[in-house]
Protein backbone atom coordinates (compact mmCIF):
# COMPACT_ATOMS: atom_id res chain seq x y z
CA UNK A 1 0.00 0.00 0.00
CA UNK A 2 1.39 3.40 -1.05
CA UNK A 3 1.84 5.95 1.69
CA UNK A 4 0.50 9.44 0.93
CA UNK A 5 2.17 12.44 2.48
CA UNK A 6 -0.42 14.51 4.38
CA UNK A 7 1.01 17.78 3.10
CA UNK A 8 0.76 16.54 -0.49
CA UNK A 9 -2.81 15.41 0.08
CA UNK A 10 -3.84 18.81 1.44
CA UNK A 11 -2.57 20.50 -1.73
CA UNK A 12 -4.92 18.51 -3.95
CA UNK A 13 -7.12 20.98 -5.93
CA UNK A 14 -10.28 18.95 -5.22
CA UNK A 15 -9.87 19.33 -1.48
CA UNK A 16 -11.51 22.38 0.06
CA UNK A 17 -10.76 23.72 3.55
CA UNK A 18 -12.82 26.38 5.26
CA UNK A 19 -9.64 28.09 6.41
CA UNK A 20 -8.84 28.85 2.76
CA UNK A 21 -11.81 31.21 2.51
CA UNK A 22 -10.88 34.82 3.34
CA UNK A 23 -12.96 37.12 5.47
CA UNK A 24 -15.00 39.62 3.49
CA UNK A 25 -13.43 43.04 3.98
CA UNK A 26 -13.99 45.21 0.91
CA UNK A 27 -17.20 45.58 -1.11
CA UNK A 28 -15.70 47.79 -3.81
CA UNK A 29 -15.13 46.68 -7.37
CA UNK A 30 -12.37 44.20 -8.09
CA UNK A 31 -10.53 44.01 -11.41
CA UNK A 32 -8.08 41.11 -11.14
CA UNK A 33 -7.60 38.49 -13.83
CA UNK A 34 -5.44 35.38 -13.63
CA UNK A 35 -5.03 32.00 -15.29
CA UNK A 36 -8.04 30.49 -13.54
CA UNK A 37 -10.57 33.28 -13.13
CA UNK A 38 -11.64 36.70 -14.32
CA UNK A 39 -13.00 39.20 -11.84
CA UNK A 40 -16.72 39.83 -11.95
CA UNK A 41 -16.05 43.46 -11.12
CA UNK A 42 -17.76 43.01 -7.74
CA UNK A 43 -15.39 42.21 -4.88
CA UNK A 44 -18.10 40.77 -2.64
CA UNK A 45 -19.10 38.26 -5.32
CA UNK A 46 -15.48 37.43 -6.15
CA UNK A 47 -14.76 36.61 -2.52
CA UNK A 48 -17.56 34.05 -2.52
CA UNK A 49 -15.72 32.26 -5.33
CA UNK A 50 -12.29 32.28 -3.66
CA UNK A 51 -10.93 28.72 -3.76
CA UNK A 52 -7.58 27.07 -2.99
CA UNK A 53 -5.78 30.40 -2.63
CA UNK A 54 -6.94 31.40 -6.13
CA UNK A 55 -8.54 34.81 -6.62
CA UNK A 56 -12.28 34.47 -7.00
CA UNK A 57 -14.26 35.42 -10.09
CA UNK A 58 -15.79 33.92 -13.19
CA UNK A 59 -13.98 30.64 -13.96
CA UNK A 60 -12.26 30.29 -17.32
CA UNK A 61 -13.00 27.45 -19.74
CA UNK A 62 -16.22 26.59 -17.97
CA UNK A 63 -19.94 27.23 -17.84
CA UNK A 64 -22.12 29.01 -15.32
CA UNK A 65 -25.87 29.38 -14.95
CA UNK A 66 -27.95 32.40 -13.96
CA UNK A 67 -31.33 31.18 -12.73
CA UNK A 68 -34.39 33.41 -12.62
CA UNK A 69 -37.97 33.67 -13.85
CA UNK A 70 -37.53 37.41 -14.33
CA UNK A 71 -35.86 39.24 -17.20
CA UNK A 72 -34.47 42.74 -17.36
CA UNK A 73 -33.67 42.79 -13.63
CA UNK A 74 -29.99 43.67 -14.02
CA UNK A 75 -28.60 40.27 -15.02
CA UNK A 76 -26.74 41.72 -17.99
CA UNK A 77 -25.48 44.73 -16.06
CA UNK A 78 -24.11 42.27 -13.54
CA UNK A 79 -22.10 40.62 -16.33
CA UNK A 80 -20.86 43.84 -17.92
CA UNK A 81 -17.46 44.23 -16.19
CA UNK A 82 -16.35 40.75 -17.25
CA UNK A 83 -17.83 41.11 -20.75
CA UNK A 84 -15.91 44.36 -21.22
CA UNK A 85 -12.69 42.49 -20.47
CA UNK A 86 -13.78 39.69 -22.80
CA UNK A 87 -14.31 42.21 -25.61
CA UNK A 88 -10.67 43.22 -25.28
CA UNK A 89 -9.66 39.76 -26.45
CA UNK A 90 -9.37 39.11 -30.16
CA UNK A 91 -12.42 36.83 -30.02
CA UNK A 92 -16.18 37.06 -30.31
CA UNK A 93 -18.77 37.61 -27.60
CA UNK A 94 -21.61 35.50 -28.93
CA UNK A 95 -25.32 35.68 -28.11
CA UNK A 96 -27.28 32.57 -29.06
CA UNK A 97 -31.03 33.07 -29.47
CA UNK A 98 -31.37 36.03 -27.08
CA UNK A 99 -35.03 36.63 -26.09
CA UNK A 100 -34.63 40.36 -26.87
CA UNK A 101 -32.46 42.45 -29.14
CA UNK A 102 -29.39 43.58 -27.13
CA UNK A 103 -29.25 47.37 -26.91
CA UNK A 104 -26.19 48.84 -28.63
CA UNK A 105 -25.96 52.24 -26.89
CA UNK A 106 -25.85 50.67 -23.43
CA UNK A 107 -23.25 48.11 -24.51
CA UNK A 108 -21.16 50.85 -26.08
CA UNK A 109 -21.43 53.00 -22.94
CA UNK A 110 -20.11 50.15 -20.82
CA UNK A 111 -17.04 49.94 -23.07
CA UNK A 112 -17.83 46.81 -25.09
CA UNK A 113 -16.38 46.70 -28.59
CA UNK A 114 -19.46 46.29 -30.79
CA UNK A 115 -17.31 44.87 -33.58
CA UNK A 116 -16.69 41.81 -31.40
CA UNK A 117 -20.41 40.90 -31.08
CA UNK A 118 -21.95 37.94 -32.86
CA UNK A 119 -25.71 37.32 -32.61
CA UNK A 120 -27.13 33.95 -33.61
CA UNK A 121 -30.83 33.40 -34.26
CA UNK A 122 -32.39 29.94 -34.12
CA UNK A 123 -35.94 28.58 -34.11
CA UNK A 124 -35.58 25.42 -32.04
CA UNK A 125 -33.77 24.26 -28.92
CA UNK A 126 -31.84 21.77 -31.04
CA UNK A 127 -30.52 24.56 -33.26
CA UNK A 128 -29.62 26.71 -30.25
CA UNK A 129 -27.73 23.90 -28.53
CA UNK A 130 -25.87 23.04 -31.73
CA UNK A 131 -24.83 26.66 -32.30
CA UNK A 132 -23.83 27.11 -28.65
CA UNK A 133 -21.66 23.99 -28.69
CA UNK A 134 -19.96 24.96 -31.94
CA UNK A 135 -19.16 28.44 -30.68
CA UNK A 136 -17.84 27.24 -27.32
CA UNK A 137 -15.51 24.61 -28.74
CA UNK A 138 -14.32 26.70 -31.70
CA UNK A 139 -11.82 28.72 -29.67
CA UNK A 140 -13.07 31.82 -31.50
CA UNK A 141 -15.35 33.05 -28.69
CA UNK A 142 -14.28 34.52 -25.37
CA UNK A 143 -17.83 34.20 -24.02
CA UNK A 144 -21.07 32.63 -25.25
CA UNK A 145 -24.39 33.79 -23.79
CA UNK A 146 -27.28 31.38 -24.35
CA UNK A 147 -30.83 30.71 -23.16
CA UNK A 148 -31.08 26.87 -23.27
CA UNK A 149 -34.52 26.55 -21.69
CA UNK A 150 -35.56 22.91 -21.56
CA UNK A 151 -32.06 21.48 -22.02
CA UNK A 152 -31.37 18.22 -20.16
CA UNK A 153 -28.30 17.17 -18.19
CA UNK A 154 -26.61 15.40 -21.11
CA UNK A 155 -27.03 18.41 -23.37
CA UNK A 156 -25.66 20.78 -20.74
CA UNK A 157 -22.76 18.40 -20.17
CA UNK A 158 -21.83 18.67 -23.84
CA UNK A 159 -21.75 22.45 -23.50
CA UNK A 160 -19.53 22.25 -20.42
CA UNK A 161 -17.08 20.00 -22.27
CA UNK A 162 -17.16 22.33 -25.30
CA UNK A 163 -16.37 25.36 -23.12
CA UNK A 164 -13.35 23.58 -21.67
CA UNK A 165 -12.14 22.47 -25.09
CA UNK A 166 -12.46 25.95 -26.60
CA UNK A 167 -11.17 27.84 -23.56
CA UNK A 168 -14.38 29.82 -23.56
CA UNK A 169 -16.94 30.79 -20.93
CA UNK A 170 -20.54 29.68 -21.34
CA UNK A 171 -23.12 31.84 -19.59
CA UNK A 172 -26.53 30.18 -19.58
CA UNK A 173 -29.75 31.88 -18.55
CA UNK A 174 -32.26 29.35 -17.24
CA UNK A 175 -35.51 29.40 -15.28
CA UNK A 176 -35.60 29.38 -11.48
CA UNK A 177 -37.26 25.96 -11.68
CA UNK A 178 -34.00 24.56 -13.07
CA UNK A 179 -32.42 25.07 -9.64
CA UNK A 180 -34.18 21.87 -8.56
CA UNK A 181 -32.49 19.90 -11.35
CA UNK A 182 -28.98 18.49 -11.46
CA UNK A 183 -26.56 20.36 -13.70
CA UNK A 184 -22.92 19.85 -14.75
CA UNK A 185 -22.25 23.61 -14.56
CA UNK A 186 -19.65 24.21 -11.80
CA UNK A 187 -21.21 27.58 -10.93
CA UNK A 188 -24.96 28.14 -10.50
CA UNK A 189 -26.46 31.40 -9.29
CA UNK A 190 -30.06 32.28 -8.44
CA UNK A 191 -30.77 35.95 -9.10
CA UNK A 192 -33.77 38.13 -8.23
CA UNK A 193 -34.73 41.73 -7.82
CA UNK A 194 -37.23 43.48 -5.62
CA UNK A 195 -35.83 46.90 -4.86
CA UNK A 196 -32.21 45.74 -5.22
CA UNK A 197 -30.36 43.14 -7.25
CA UNK A 198 -29.66 40.05 -5.14
CA UNK A 199 -28.02 36.71 -5.82
CA UNK A 200 -27.49 33.40 -4.09
CA UNK A 201 -24.89 30.89 -5.20
CA UNK A 202 -26.38 27.39 -5.03
CA UNK A 203 -23.33 25.62 -6.47
CA UNK A 204 -19.71 26.70 -6.63
CA UNK A 205 -16.27 25.06 -6.90
CA UNK A 206 -14.96 24.01 -3.49
CA UNK A 207 -17.67 25.50 -1.36
CA UNK A 208 -21.19 25.31 0.01
CA UNK A 209 -24.17 27.33 -1.16
CA UNK A 210 -23.98 30.96 -0.11
CA UNK A 211 -26.42 33.23 1.64
CA UNK A 212 -28.41 35.69 -0.44
CA UNK A 213 -26.37 38.87 -0.92
CA UNK A 214 -27.05 42.30 -2.39
CA UNK A 215 -24.92 43.42 -5.34
CA UNK A 216 -24.94 47.19 -6.01
CA UNK A 217 -25.05 47.55 -9.79
CA UNK A 218 -23.76 50.64 -11.56
CA UNK A 219 -26.14 53.38 -12.68
CA UNK A 220 -27.47 52.20 -16.02
CA UNK A 221 -29.69 55.23 -16.62
CA UNK A 222 -26.75 57.64 -16.66
CA UNK A 223 -24.81 55.35 -18.96
CA UNK A 224 -27.73 54.99 -21.38
CA UNK A 225 -28.25 58.77 -21.61
CA UNK A 226 -24.57 59.25 -22.40
CA UNK A 227 -24.57 56.41 -24.94
CA UNK A 228 -27.65 57.70 -26.76
CA UNK A 229 -25.78 60.93 -27.49
CA UNK A 230 -22.64 59.14 -28.67
CA UNK A 231 -23.84 56.03 -30.49
CA UNK A 232 -26.32 56.01 -33.40
CA UNK A 233 -29.13 53.46 -33.26
CA UNK A 234 -28.93 50.61 -35.71
CA UNK A 235 -31.92 50.26 -37.99
CA UNK A 236 -32.96 46.62 -38.51
CA UNK A 237 -32.13 46.65 -42.25
CA UNK A 238 -28.63 48.02 -41.58
CA UNK A 239 -27.40 45.06 -39.55
CA UNK A 240 -25.47 42.22 -41.12
CA UNK A 241 -26.40 38.61 -41.57
CA UNK A 242 -23.77 35.97 -42.17
CA UNK A 243 -24.87 33.37 -44.70
CA UNK A 244 -22.90 30.26 -43.71
CA UNK A 245 -24.23 27.90 -46.37
CA UNK A 246 -21.43 25.97 -48.07
CA UNK A 247 -18.99 27.60 -45.70
CA UNK A 248 -19.32 31.02 -47.36
CA UNK A 249 -19.83 34.11 -45.24
CA UNK A 250 -21.51 37.05 -46.98
CA UNK A 251 -23.25 40.18 -45.74
CA UNK A 252 -26.99 40.40 -46.46
CA UNK A 253 -29.69 42.89 -45.37
CA UNK A 254 -31.36 41.83 -42.13
CA UNK A 255 -35.02 42.88 -41.72
CA UNK A 256 -36.17 41.52 -38.40
CA UNK A 257 -37.54 44.50 -36.50
CA UNK A 258 -38.40 43.72 -32.90
CA UNK A 259 -39.06 47.21 -31.55
CA UNK A 260 -41.20 46.04 -28.64
CA UNK A 261 -38.59 43.54 -27.50
CA UNK A 262 -35.83 46.12 -27.84
CA UNK A 263 -37.75 48.61 -25.71
CA UNK A 264 -38.37 45.97 -23.05
CA UNK A 265 -34.70 45.08 -22.87
CA UNK A 266 -33.42 48.65 -23.07
CA UNK A 267 -33.77 49.30 -19.37
CA UNK A 268 -31.41 46.47 -18.50
CA UNK A 269 -29.10 46.26 -21.41
CA UNK A 270 -28.00 46.03 -24.72
CA UNK A 271 -27.17 45.39 -28.76
CA UNK A 272 -26.23 46.36 -32.19
CA UNK A 273 -24.31 48.83 -34.17
CA UNK A 274 -22.82 48.61 -37.62
CA UNK A 275 -20.03 46.25 -36.64
CA UNK A 276 -21.99 43.43 -35.05
CA UNK A 277 -23.04 40.34 -37.01
CA UNK A 278 -26.22 38.29 -37.05
CA UNK A 279 -26.36 34.62 -38.01
CA UNK A 280 -29.41 32.46 -38.69
CA UNK A 281 -28.57 28.80 -38.10
CA UNK A 282 -32.09 27.41 -38.40
CA UNK A 283 -31.32 25.50 -41.58
CA UNK A 284 -27.68 24.66 -40.91
CA UNK A 285 -27.70 22.21 -38.00
Foldseek 3Di string as FASTA:
>chain_A
DDDDDPVVVCLPQQAFDPVQQDDDDDQAFDADDDPFAGALRTQVQQSVQRTSNDGGHHGWLFEEEEAAPDPLQQPVLSNLSVQLVQQVDQAAEEEQQDVFAFAPLLSVLSNHDQLRYEYEHADDLVLRLVVLLCRQQVLRGQEYEYANEPDAQVSQVSNGNSNNNSRHYYYYYYYNVCVVPDHPGQWYKYWDDDPFTWIWTCHHRRDHTGDIDTRHGDDSVVSSVVSPVPAPGDQQQLEFEFDCVVHHGDTHGGDDDDPVRCVVNVSRGGDDDNNYYYYYCHPPD
